[in-house]
Amino acid sequence: MRYLMSVIDDDTNVDTGNEMAAVDAFNDQLRADGYWVFADGLTAPEDATVVDNRGEQPIITDGPFIESKEFLGGFWIIDTPDLDITLKLAVTASKACNRKIEIRPFNV
């Protein structure tokens, strides 16, 4: 089953070389174990653009669609046999990147 592991950032933690090395090692282990699908980090929320074309005219605005202290800082998409393995991986991911991790399954 595929899961999205979202990195929840609050901009109080500054990436350190140690964190990046730990994340790289975690990514390598995901690949070696066959769970890796894709992962990447995101720029700051102020770099976002929101597009809303539900009305008569599209509305395009700069910045995040919601103001919040926490934001999506990056993510992993993984493919694991079950939630138990995913939870163990999320524990390791949280330690590696020094941030909270939210897990959500994809619709199948």
PDB file of N, CA and C in Angstrom:
ATOM      1  N   MET A   1       0.842  -1.176   0.000  1.00  0.00           N
ATOM      2  CA  MET A   1       0.000   0.000   0.000  1.00  0.00           C
ATOM      3  C   MET A   1       0.892   1.247   0.000  1.00  0.00           C
ATOM      4  N   ARG A   2       0.470   2.245  -0.737  1.00  0.00           N
ATOM      5  CA  ARG A   2       1.242   3.491  -0.794  1.00  0.00           C
ATOM      6  C   ARG A   2       0.776   4.472   0.270  1.00  0.00           C
ATOM      7  N   TYR A   3       1.778   5.139   0.866  1.00  0.00           N
ATOM      8  CA  TYR A   3       1.525   6.137   1.898  1.00  0.00           C
ATOM      9  C   TYR A   3       2.290   7.411   1.575  1.00  0.00           C
ATOM     10  N   LEU A   4       1.688   8.529   1.984  1.00  0.00           N
ATOM     11  CA  LEU A   4       2.367   9.815   1.966  1.00  0.00           C
ATOM     12  C   LEU A   4       2.844  10.080   3.381  1.00  0.00           C
ATOM     13  N   MET A   5       4.136  10.260   3.548  1.00  0.00           N
ATOM     14  CA  MET A   5       4.692  10.676   4.831  1.00  0.00           C
ATOM     15  C   MET A   5       5.080  12.140   4.674  1.00  0.00           C
ATOM     16  N   SER A   6       4.292  13.020   5.283  1.00  0.00           N
ATOM     17  CA  SER A   6       4.514  14.464   5.176  1.00  0.00           C
ATOM     18  C   SER A   6       5.398  14.946   6.311  1.00  0.00           C
ATOM     19  N   VAL A   7       6.351  15.785   5.975  1.00  0.00           N
ATOM     20  CA  VAL A   7       7.220  16.410   6.967  1.00  0.00           C
ATOM     21  C   VAL A   7       6.559  17.713   7.401  1.00  0.00           C
ATOM     22  N   ILE A   8       6.201  17.793   8.673  1.00  0.00           N
ATOM     23  CA  ILE A   8       5.539  18.980   9.204  1.00  0.00           C
ATOM     24  C   ILE A   8       6.600  19.883   9.815  1.00  0.00           C
ATOM     25  N   ASP A   9       6.765  21.053   9.230  1.00  0.00           N
ATOM     26  CA  ASP A   9       7.792  21.990   9.665  1.00  0.00           C
ATOM     27  C   ASP A   9       7.135  23.183  10.338  1.00  0.00           C
ATOM     28  N   ASP A  10       7.888  23.843  11.202  1.00  0.00           N
ATOM     29  CA  ASP A  10       7.391  25.070  11.824  1.00  0.00           C
ATOM     30  C   ASP A  10       8.415  26.192  11.737  1.00  0.00           C
ATOM     31  N   ASP A  11       9.447  25.956  10.938  1.00  0.00           N
ATOM     32  CA  ASP A  11      10.482  26.949  10.656  1.00  0.00           C
ATOM     33  C   ASP A  11      11.327  27.303  11.876  1.00  0.00           C
ATOM     34  N   THR A  12      11.179  26.581  12.980  1.00  0.00           N
ATOM     35  CA  THR A  12      12.036  26.842  14.126  1.00  0.00           C
ATOM     36  C   THR A  12      13.273  25.962  14.096  1.00  0.00           C
ATOM     37  N   ASN A  13      13.196  24.856  13.384  1.00  0.00           N
ATOM     38  CA  ASN A  13      14.349  23.971  13.241  1.00  0.00           C
ATOM     39  C   ASN A  13      15.109  24.341  11.970  1.00  0.00           C
ATOM     40  N   VAL A  14      16.359  24.607  12.101  1.00  0.00           N
ATOM     41  CA  VAL A  14      17.193  24.896  10.944  1.00  0.00           C
ATOM     42  C   VAL A  14      17.865  23.592  10.538  1.00  0.00           C
ATOM     43  N   ASP A  15      17.803  23.290   9.239  1.00  0.00           N
ATOM     44  CA  ASP A  15      18.455  22.071   8.758  1.00  0.00           C
ATOM     45  C   ASP A  15      19.934  22.109   9.108  1.00  0.00           C
ATOM     46  N   THR A  16      20.408  21.036   9.633  1.00  0.00           N
ATOM     47  CA  THR A  16      21.827  20.918   9.921  1.00  0.00           C
ATOM     48  C   THR A  16      22.433  19.888   8.984  1.00  0.00           C
ATOM     49  N   GLY A  17      23.714  19.904   8.860  1.00  0.00           N
ATOM     50  CA  GLY A  17      24.393  18.892   8.058  1.00  0.00           C
ATOM     51  C   GLY A  17      24.113  17.494   8.577  1.00  0.00           C
ATOM     52  N   ASN A  18      24.002  17.363   9.903  1.00  0.00           N
ATOM     53  CA  ASN A  18      23.707  16.056  10.489  1.00  0.00           C
ATOM     54  C   ASN A  18      22.321  15.569  10.093  1.00  0.00           C
ATOM     55  N   GLU A  19      21.346  16.475  10.085  1.00  0.00           N
ATOM     56  CA  GLU A  19      19.990  16.094   9.678  1.00  0.00           C
ATOM     57  C   GLU A  19      19.966  15.660   8.221  1.00  0.00           C
ATOM     58  N   MET A  20      20.625  16.403   7.371  1.00  0.00           N
ATOM     59  CA  MET A  20      20.645  16.045   5.951  1.00  0.00           C
ATOM     60  C   MET A  20      21.326  14.691   5.739  1.00  0.00           C
ATOM     61  N   ALA A  21      22.394  14.436   6.458  1.00  0.00           N
ATOM     62  CA  ALA A  21      23.076  13.150   6.359  1.00  0.00           C
ATOM     63  C   ALA A  21      22.172  12.024   6.849  1.00  0.00           C
ATOM     64  N   ALA A  22      21.432  12.278   7.940  1.00  0.00           N
ATOM     65  CA  ALA A  22      20.514  11.265   8.467  1.00  0.00           C
ATOM     66  C   ALA A  22      19.371  11.004   7.491  1.00  0.00           C
ATOM     67  N   VAL A  23      18.856  12.042   6.856  1.00  0.00           N
ATOM     68  CA  VAL A  23      17.792  11.872   5.866  1.00  0.00           C
ATOM     69  C   VAL A  23      18.318  11.110   4.655  1.00  0.00           C
ATOM     70  N   ASP A  24      19.517  11.435   4.203  1.00  0.00           N
ATOM     71  CA  ASP A  24      20.117  10.697   3.077  1.00  0.00           C
ATOM     72  C   ASP A  24      20.272   9.215   3.414  1.00  0.00           C
ATOM     73  N   ALA A  25      20.714   8.918   4.628  1.00  0.00           N
ATOM     74  CA  ALA A  25      20.867   7.516   5.052  1.00  0.00           C
ATOM     75  C   ALA A  25      19.498   6.834   5.114  1.00  0.00           C
ATOM     76  N   PHE A  26      18.483   7.544   5.629  1.00  0.00           N
ATOM     77  CA  PHE A  26      17.125   6.994   5.675  1.00  0.00           C
ATOM     78  C   PHE A  26      16.626   6.705   4.266  1.00  0.00           C
ATOM     79  N   ASN A  27      16.845   7.644   3.335  1.00  0.00           N
ATOM     80  CA  ASN A  27      16.441   7.436   1.939  1.00  0.00           C
ATOM     81  C   ASN A  27      17.139   6.220   1.339  1.00  0.00           C
ATOM     82  N   ASP A  28      18.425   6.081   1.598  1.00  0.00           N
ATOM     83  CA  ASP A  28      19.172   4.921   1.098  1.00  0.00           C
ATOM     84  C   ASP A  28      18.588   3.621   1.633  1.00  0.00           C
ATOM     85  N   GLN A  29      18.191   3.620   2.911  1.00  0.00           N
ATOM     86  CA  GLN A  29      17.606   2.412   3.502  1.00  0.00           C
ATOM     87  C   GLN A  29      16.231   2.113   2.903  1.00  0.00           C
ATOM     88  N   LEU A  30      15.434   3.151   2.643  1.00  0.00           N
ATOM     89  CA  LEU A  30      14.143   2.945   1.971  1.00  0.00           C
ATOM     90  C   LEU A  30      14.340   2.284   0.610  1.00  0.00           C
ATOM     91  N   ARG A  31      15.329   2.753  -0.129  1.00  0.00           N
ATOM     92  CA  ARG A  31      15.615   2.167  -1.442  1.00  0.00           C
ATOM     93  C   ARG A  31      16.055   0.715  -1.303  1.00  0.00           C
ATOM     94  N   ALA A  32      16.964   0.464  -0.368  1.00  0.00           N
ATOM     95  CA  ALA A  32      17.496  -0.893  -0.172  1.00  0.00           C
ATOM     96  C   ALA A  32      16.392  -1.860   0.242  1.00  0.00           C
ATOM     97  N   ASP A  33      15.425  -1.392   1.041  1.00  0.00           N
ATOM     98  CA  ASP A  33      14.338  -2.253   1.516  1.00  0.00           C
ATOM     99  C   ASP A  33      13.178  -2.356   0.526  1.00  0.00           C
ATOM    100  N   GLY A  34      13.245  -1.588  -0.561  1.00  0.00           N
ATOM    101  CA  GLY A  34      12.206  -1.654  -1.583  1.00  0.00           C
ATOM    102  C   GLY A  34      10.952  -0.847  -1.275  1.00  0.00           C
ATOM    103  N   TYR A  35      11.018   0.088  -0.326  1.00  0.00           N
ATOM    104  CA  TYR A  35       9.858   0.905   0.044  1.00  0.00           C
ATOM    105  C   TYR A  35       9.819   2.249  -0.672  1.00  0.00           C
ATOM    106  N   TRP A  36      10.924   2.645  -1.248  1.00  0.00           N
ATOM    107  CA  TRP A  36      11.068   3.959  -1.875  1.00  0.00           C
ATOM    108  C   TRP A  36      10.186   4.073  -3.116  1.00  0.00           C
ATOM    109  N   VAL A  37       9.437   5.184  -3.209  1.00  0.00           N
ATOM    110  CA  VAL A  37       8.752   5.552  -4.447  1.00  0.00           C
ATOM    111  C   VAL A  37       9.278   6.912  -4.898  1.00  0.00           C
ATOM    112  N   PHE A  38       9.183   7.921  -4.000  1.00  0.00           N
ATOM    113  CA  PHE A  38       9.647   9.268  -4.339  1.00  0.00           C
ATOM    114  C   PHE A  38       9.705  10.094  -3.067  1.00  0.00           C
ATOM    115  N   ALA A  39      10.581  11.072  -3.035  1.00  0.00           N
ATOM    116  CA  ALA A  39      10.661  12.000  -1.905  1.00  0.00           C
ATOM    117  C   ALA A  39      11.273  13.311  -2.376  1.00  0.00           C
ATOM    118  N   ASP A  40      10.915  14.389  -1.683  1.00  0.00           N
ATOM    119  CA  ASP A  40      11.527  15.681  -1.988  1.00  0.00           C
ATOM    120  C   ASP A  40      11.160  16.680  -0.904  1.00  0.00           C
ATOM    121  N   GLY A  41      11.901  17.757  -0.858  1.00  0.00           N
ATOM    122  CA  GLY A  41      11.619  18.857   0.054  1.00  0.00           C
ATOM    123  C   GLY A  41      10.938  19.976  -0.708  1.00  0.00           C
ATOM    124  N   LEU A  42      10.286  20.859   0.019  1.00  0.00           N
ATOM    125  CA  LEU A  42       9.575  21.976  -0.583  1.00  0.00           C
ATOM    126  C   LEU A  42      10.164  23.298  -0.110  1.00  0.00           C
ATOM    127  N   THR A  43       9.982  24.329  -0.906  1.00  0.00           N
ATOM    128  CA  THR A  43      10.416  25.661  -0.501  1.00  0.00           C
ATOM    129  C   THR A  43       9.440  26.211   0.545  1.00  0.00           C
ATOM    130  N   ALA A  44       9.721  27.374   1.049  1.00  0.00           N
ATOM    131  CA  ALA A  44       8.903  27.996   2.086  1.00  0.00           C
ATOM    132  C   ALA A  44       7.496  28.316   1.575  1.00  0.00           C
ATOM    133  N   PRO A  45       6.512  28.360   2.476  1.00  0.00           N
ATOM    134  CA  PRO A  45       5.132  28.638   2.067  1.00  0.00           C
ATOM    135  C   PRO A  45       4.962  29.948   1.299  1.00  0.00           C
ATOM    136  N   GLU A  46       5.777  30.938   1.611  1.00  0.00           N
ATOM    137  CA  GLU A  46       5.619  32.211   0.897  1.00  0.00           C
ATOM    138  C   GLU A  46       5.968  32.106  -0.587  1.00  0.00           C
ATOM    139  N   ASP A  47       6.566  31.007  -1.002  1.00  0.00           N
ATOM    140  CA  ASP A  47       6.849  30.776  -2.423  1.00  0.00           C
ATOM    141  C   ASP A  47       5.651  30.178  -3.163  1.00  0.00           C
ATOM    142  N   ALA A  48       4.590  29.845  -2.441  1.00  0.00           N
ATOM    143  CA  ALA A  48       3.427  29.176  -3.026  1.00  0.00           C
ATOM    144  C   ALA A  48       2.590  30.130  -3.879  1.00  0.00           C
ATOM    145  N   THR A  49       1.888  29.552  -4.826  1.00  0.00           N
ATOM    146  CA  THR A  49       0.867  30.246  -5.605  1.00  0.00           C
ATOM    147  C   THR A  49      -0.387  29.382  -5.558  1.00  0.00           C
ATOM    148  N   VAL A  50      -1.523  29.999  -5.277  1.00  0.00           N
ATOM    149  CA  VAL A  50      -2.787  29.272  -5.191  1.00  0.00           C
ATOM    150  C   VAL A  50      -3.631  29.621  -6.417  1.00  0.00           C
ATOM    151  N   VAL A  51      -4.154  28.592  -7.088  1.00  0.00           N
ATOM    152  CA  VAL A  51      -5.013  28.761  -8.252  1.00  0.00           C
ATOM    153  C   VAL A  51      -6.398  28.222  -7.906  1.00  0.00           C
ATOM    154  N   ASP A  52      -7.432  29.067  -8.070  1.00  0.00           N
ATOM    155  CA  ASP A  52      -8.811  28.667  -7.796  1.00  0.00           C
ATOM    156  C   ASP A  52      -9.653  28.979  -9.027  1.00  0.00           C
ATOM    157  N   ASN A  53     -10.029  27.964  -9.758  1.00  0.00           N
ATOM    158  CA  ASN A  53     -10.824  28.148 -10.965  1.00  0.00           C
ATOM    159  C   ASN A  53     -12.208  27.507 -10.801  1.00  0.00           C
ATOM    160  N   ARG A  54     -12.792  27.663  -9.622  1.00  0.00           N
ATOM    161  CA  ARG A  54     -14.110  27.094  -9.376  1.00  0.00           C
ATOM    162  C   ARG A  54     -15.232  28.054  -9.751  1.00  0.00           C
ATOM    163  N   GLY A  55     -14.923  29.309  -9.999  1.00  0.00           N
ATOM    164  CA  GLY A  55     -15.953  30.307 -10.317  1.00  0.00           C
ATOM    165  C   GLY A  55     -15.938  30.681 -11.779  1.00  0.00           C
ATOM    166  N   GLU A  56     -16.408  31.891 -12.032  1.00  0.00           N
ATOM    167  CA  GLU A  56     -16.486  32.398 -13.405  1.00  0.00           C
ATOM    168  C   GLU A  56     -15.097  32.654 -13.998  1.00  0.00           C
ATOM    169  N   GLN A  57     -14.178  33.151 -13.175  1.00  0.00           N
ATOM    170  CA  GLN A  57     -12.832  33.485 -13.623  1.00  0.00           C
ATOM    171  C   GLN A  57     -11.827  32.837 -12.666  1.00  0.00           C
ATOM    172  N   PRO A  58     -10.682  32.410 -13.187  1.00  0.00           N
ATOM    173  CA  PRO A  58      -9.664  31.877 -12.277  1.00  0.00           C
ATOM    174  C   PRO A  58      -9.090  32.988 -11.397  1.00  0.00           C
ATOM    175  N   ILE A  59      -8.824  32.620 -10.156  1.00  0.00           N
ATOM    176  CA  ILE A  59      -8.200  33.552  -9.218  1.00  0.00           C
ATOM    177  C   ILE A  59      -6.837  32.974  -8.857  1.00  0.00           C
ATOM    178  N   ILE A  60      -5.808  33.762  -9.076  1.00  0.00           N
ATOM    179  CA  ILE A  60      -4.442  33.325  -8.791  1.00  0.00           C
ATOM    180  C   ILE A  60      -3.859  34.274  -7.750  1.00  0.00           C
ATOM    181  N   THR A  61      -3.443  33.707  -6.610  1.00  0.00           N
ATOM    182  CA  THR A  61      -2.897  34.537  -5.536  1.00  0.00           C
ATOM    183  C   THR A  61      -1.559  33.999  -5.082  1.00  0.00           C
ATOM    184  N   ASP A  62      -0.710  34.909  -4.648  1.00  0.00           N
ATOM    185  CA  ASP A  62       0.590  34.536  -4.108  1.00  0.00           C
ATOM    186  C   ASP A  62       0.445  34.106  -2.658  1.00  0.00           C
ATOM    187  N   GLY A  63       1.334  33.232  -2.252  1.00  0.00           N
ATOM    188  CA  GLY A  63       1.381  32.829  -0.855  1.00  0.00           C
ATOM    189  C   GLY A  63       0.512  31.622  -0.574  1.00  0.00           C
ATOM    190  N   PRO A  64       0.638  31.087   0.617  1.00  0.00           N
ATOM    191  CA  PRO A  64      -0.113  29.876   0.964  1.00  0.00           C
ATOM    192  C   PRO A  64      -1.609  30.154   1.064  1.00  0.00           C
ATOM    193  N   PHE A  65      -2.418  29.118   0.865  1.00  0.00           N
ATOM    194  CA  PHE A  65      -3.861  29.308   0.924  1.00  0.00           C
ATOM    195  C   PHE A  65      -4.354  29.442   2.364  1.00  0.00           C
ATOM    196  N   ILE A  66      -3.512  29.069   3.317  1.00  0.00           N
ATOM    197  CA  ILE A  66      -3.890  29.191   4.724  1.00  0.00           C
ATOM    198  C   ILE A  66      -2.665  29.654   5.514  1.00  0.00           C
ATOM    199  N   GLU A  67      -2.877  30.546   6.429  1.00  0.00           N
ATOM    200  CA  GLU A  67      -1.796  30.988   7.309  1.00  0.00           C
ATOM    201  C   GLU A  67      -1.739  30.032   8.492  1.00  0.00           C
ATOM    202  N   SER A  68      -0.561  29.510   8.763  1.00  0.00           N
ATOM    203  CA  SER A  68      -0.413  28.543   9.839  1.00  0.00           C
ATOM    204  C   SER A  68       1.014  28.582  10.354  1.00  0.00           C
ATOM    205  N   LYS A  69       1.202  28.213  11.602  1.00  0.00           N
ATOM    206  CA  LYS A  69       2.548  28.120  12.153  1.00  0.00           C
ATOM    207  C   LYS A  69       3.276  26.919  11.598  1.00  0.00           C
ATOM    208  N   GLU A  70       2.516  25.878  11.245  1.00  0.00           N
ATOM    209  CA  GLU A  70       3.111  24.669  10.687  1.00  0.00           C
ATOM    210  C   GLU A  70       2.772  24.581   9.209  1.00  0.00           C
ATOM    211  N   PHE A  71       3.667  23.927   8.461  1.00  0.00           N
ATOM    212  CA  PHE A  71       3.458  23.798   7.025  1.00  0.00           C
ATOM    213  C   PHE A  71       4.150  22.546   6.517  1.00  0.00           C
ATOM    214  N   LEU A  72       3.796  22.154   5.304  1.00  0.00           N
ATOM    215  CA  LEU A  72       4.398  20.994   4.658  1.00  0.00           C
ATOM    216  C   LEU A  72       5.792  21.371   4.176  1.00  0.00           C
ATOM    217  N   GLY A  73       6.804  20.750   4.759  1.00  0.00           N
ATOM    218  CA  GLY A  73       8.180  21.071   4.415  1.00  0.00           C
ATOM    219  C   GLY A  73       8.795  20.108   3.413  1.00  0.00           C
ATOM    220  N   GLY A  74       8.217  18.939   3.295  1.00  0.00           N
ATOM    221  CA  GLY A  74       8.708  17.923   2.376  1.00  0.00           C
ATOM    222  C   GLY A  74       7.875  16.671   2.541  1.00  0.00           C
ATOM    223  N   PHE A  75       8.234  15.625   1.810  1.00  0.00           N
ATOM    224  CA  PHE A  75       7.415  14.419   1.857  1.00  0.00           C
ATOM    225  C   PHE A  75       8.179  13.215   1.317  1.00  0.00           C
ATOM    226  N   TRP A  76       7.696  12.069   1.700  1.00  0.00           N
ATOM    227  CA  TRP A  76       8.091  10.799   1.104  1.00  0.00           C
ATOM    228  C   TRP A  76       6.821  10.123   0.612  1.00  0.00           C
ATOM    229  N   ILE A  77       6.906   9.464  -0.514  1.00  0.00           N
ATOM    230  CA  ILE A  77       5.869   8.528  -0.942  1.00  0.00           C
ATOM    231  C   ILE A  77       6.524   7.160  -0.870  1.00  0.00           C
ATOM    232  N   ILE A  78       5.925   6.299  -0.059  1.00  0.00           N
ATOM    233  CA  ILE A  78       6.500   4.976   0.147  1.00  0.00           C
ATOM    234  C   ILE A  78       5.460   3.914  -0.177  1.00  0.00           C
ATOM    235  N   ASP A  79       5.929   2.710  -0.421  1.00  0.00           N
ATOM    236  CA  ASP A  79       5.055   1.573  -0.710  1.00  0.00           C
ATOM    237  C   ASP A  79       5.451   0.459   0.236  1.00  0.00           C
ATOM    238  N   THR A  80       4.588   0.171   1.217  1.00  0.00           N
ATOM    239  CA  THR A  80       4.880  -0.832   2.234  1.00  0.00           C
ATOM    240  C   THR A  80       3.739  -1.842   2.307  1.00  0.00           C
ATOM    241  N   PRO A  81       4.006  -3.001   2.882  1.00  0.00           N
ATOM    242  CA  PRO A  81       2.954  -4.009   2.991  1.00  0.00           C
ATOM    243  C   PRO A  81       1.832  -3.635   3.963  1.00  0.00           C
ATOM    244  N   ASP A  82       2.129  -2.820   4.993  1.00  0.00           N
ATOM    245  CA  ASP A  82       1.090  -2.518   5.977  1.00  0.00           C
ATOM    246  C   ASP A  82       1.436  -1.277   6.793  1.00  0.00           C
ATOM    247  N   LEU A  83       0.461  -0.838   7.591  1.00  0.00           N
ATOM    248  CA  LEU A  83       0.607   0.365   8.399  1.00  0.00           C
ATOM    249  C   LEU A  83       1.679   0.199   9.471  1.00  0.00           C
ATOM    250  N   ASP A  84       1.832  -0.996  10.022  1.00  0.00           N
ATOM    251  CA  ASP A  84       2.839  -1.203  11.070  1.00  0.00           C
ATOM    252  C   ASP A  84       4.245  -0.866  10.575  1.00  0.00           C
ATOM    253  N   ILE A  85       4.582  -1.316   9.386  1.00  0.00           N
ATOM    254  CA  ILE A  85       5.895  -1.006   8.815  1.00  0.00           C
ATOM    255  C   ILE A  85       5.994   0.496   8.557  1.00  0.00           C
ATOM    256  N   THR A  86       4.923   1.081   8.043  1.00  0.00           N
ATOM    257  CA  THR A  86       4.916   2.518   7.768  1.00  0.00           C
ATOM    258  C   THR A  86       5.130   3.320   9.040  1.00  0.00           C
ATOM    259  N   LEU A  87       4.501   2.923  10.130  1.00  0.00           N
ATOM    260  CA  LEU A  87       4.687   3.619  11.401  1.00  0.00           C
ATOM    261  C   LEU A  87       6.133   3.537  11.880  1.00  0.00           C
ATOM    262  N   LYS A  88       6.751   2.381  11.733  1.00  0.00           N
ATOM    263  CA  LYS A  88       8.155   2.232  12.122  1.00  0.00           C
ATOM    264  C   LYS A  88       9.041   3.131  11.265  1.00  0.00           C
ATOM    265  N   LEU A  89       8.740   3.202   9.972  1.00  0.00           N
ATOM    266  CA  LEU A  89       9.512   4.072   9.081  1.00  0.00           C
ATOM    267  C   LEU A  89       9.306   5.540   9.440  1.00  0.00           C
ATOM    268  N   ALA A  90       8.084   5.913   9.798  1.00  0.00           N
ATOM    269  CA  ALA A  90       7.800   7.298  10.173  1.00  0.00           C
ATOM    270  C   ALA A  90       8.546   7.691  11.439  1.00  0.00           C
ATOM    271  N   VAL A  91       8.666   6.755  12.379  1.00  0.00           N
ATOM    272  CA  VAL A  91       9.438   7.026  13.599  1.00  0.00           C
ATOM    273  C   VAL A  91      10.888   7.331  13.236  1.00  0.00           C
ATOM    274  N   THR A  92      11.450   6.532  12.345  1.00  0.00           N
ATOM    275  CA  THR A  92      12.830   6.744  11.907  1.00  0.00           C
ATOM    276  C   THR A  92      12.955   8.049  11.124  1.00  0.00           C
ATOM    277  N   ALA A  93      11.993   8.336  10.251  1.00  0.00           N
ATOM    278  CA  ALA A  93      12.011   9.568   9.454  1.00  0.00           C
ATOM    279  C   ALA A  93      11.943  10.799  10.345  1.00  0.00           C
ATOM    280  N   SER A  94      11.089  10.756  11.354  1.00  0.00           N
ATOM    281  CA  SER A  94      10.951  11.893  12.266  1.00  0.00           C
ATOM    282  C   SER A  94      12.263  12.174  12.999  1.00  0.00           C
ATOM    283  N   LYS A  95      12.929  11.122  13.415  1.00  0.00           N
ATOM    284  CA  LYS A  95      14.217  11.277  14.100  1.00  0.00           C
ATOM    285  C   LYS A  95      15.255  11.847  13.135  1.00  0.00           C
ATOM    286  N   ALA A  96      15.276  11.324  11.900  1.00  0.00           N
ATOM    287  CA  ALA A  96      16.279  11.751  10.917  1.00  0.00           C
ATOM    288  C   ALA A  96      16.141  13.229  10.569  1.00  0.00           C
ATOM    289  N   CYS A  97      14.912  13.692  10.323  1.00  0.00           N
ATOM    290  CA  CYS A  97      14.735  15.080   9.882  1.00  0.00           C
ATOM    291  C   CYS A  97      14.417  16.032  11.031  1.00  0.00           C
ATOM    292  N   ASN A  98      14.248  15.501  12.233  1.00  0.00           N
ATOM    293  CA  ASN A  98      13.992  16.308  13.420  1.00  0.00           C
ATOM    294  C   ASN A  98      12.710  17.128  13.300  1.00  0.00           C
ATOM    295  N   ARG A  99      11.681  16.487  12.748  1.00  0.00           N
ATOM    296  CA  ARG A  99      10.384  17.133  12.568  1.00  0.00           C
ATOM    297  C   ARG A  99       9.273  16.102  12.737  1.00  0.00           C
ATOM    298  N   LYS A 100       8.039  16.591  12.891  1.00  0.00           N
ATOM    299  CA  LYS A 100       6.889  15.692  12.969  1.00  0.00           C
ATOM    300  C   LYS A 100       6.607  15.122  11.578  1.00  0.00           C
ATOM    301  N   ILE A 101       6.033  13.920  11.560  1.00  0.00           N
ATOM    302  CA  ILE A 101       5.662  13.252  10.319  1.00  0.00           C
ATOM    303  C   ILE A 101       4.178  12.902  10.382  1.00  0.00           C
ATOM    304  N   GLU A 102       3.445  13.246   9.335  1.00  0.00           N
ATOM    305  CA  GLU A 102       2.056  12.826   9.215  1.00  0.00           C
ATOM    306  C   GLU A 102       1.990  11.726   8.158  1.00  0.00           C
ATOM    307  N   ILE A 103       1.254  10.670   8.447  1.00  0.00           N
ATOM    308  CA  ILE A 103       1.097   9.549   7.524  1.00  0.00           C
ATOM    309  C   ILE A 103      -0.338   9.537   6.993  1.00  0.00           C
ATOM    310  N   ARG A 104      -0.464   9.413   5.677  1.00  0.00           N
ATOM    311  CA  ARG A 104      -1.793   9.278   5.072  1.00  0.00           C
ATOM    312  C   ARG A 104      -1.707   8.281   3.932  1.00  0.00           C
ATOM    313  N   PRO A 105      -2.623   7.299   3.924  1.00  0.00           N
ATOM    314  CA  PRO A 105      -2.635   6.344   2.818  1.00  0.00           C
ATOM    315  C   PRO A 105      -3.238   6.980   1.571  1.00  0.00           C
ATOM    316  N   PHE A 106      -2.806   6.497   0.421  1.00  0.00           N
ATOM    317  CA  PHE A 106      -3.435   6.911  -0.835  1.00  0.00           C
ATOM    318  C   PHE A 106      -4.709   6.108  -1.026  1.00  0.00           C
ATOM    319  N   ASN A 107      -5.682   6.695  -1.716  1.00  0.00           N
ATOM    320  CA  ASN A 107      -6.885   5.939  -2.096  1.00  0.00           C
ATOM    321  C   ASN A 107      -6.467   4.858  -3.071  1.00  0.00           C
ATOM    322  N   VAL A 108      -6.979   3.697  -2.880  1.00  0.00           N
ATOM    323  CA  VAL A 108      -6.605   2.589  -3.761  1.00  0.00           C
ATOM    324  C   VAL A 108      -7.730   2.293  -4.709  1.00  0.00           C
TER     325      VAL A 108
END
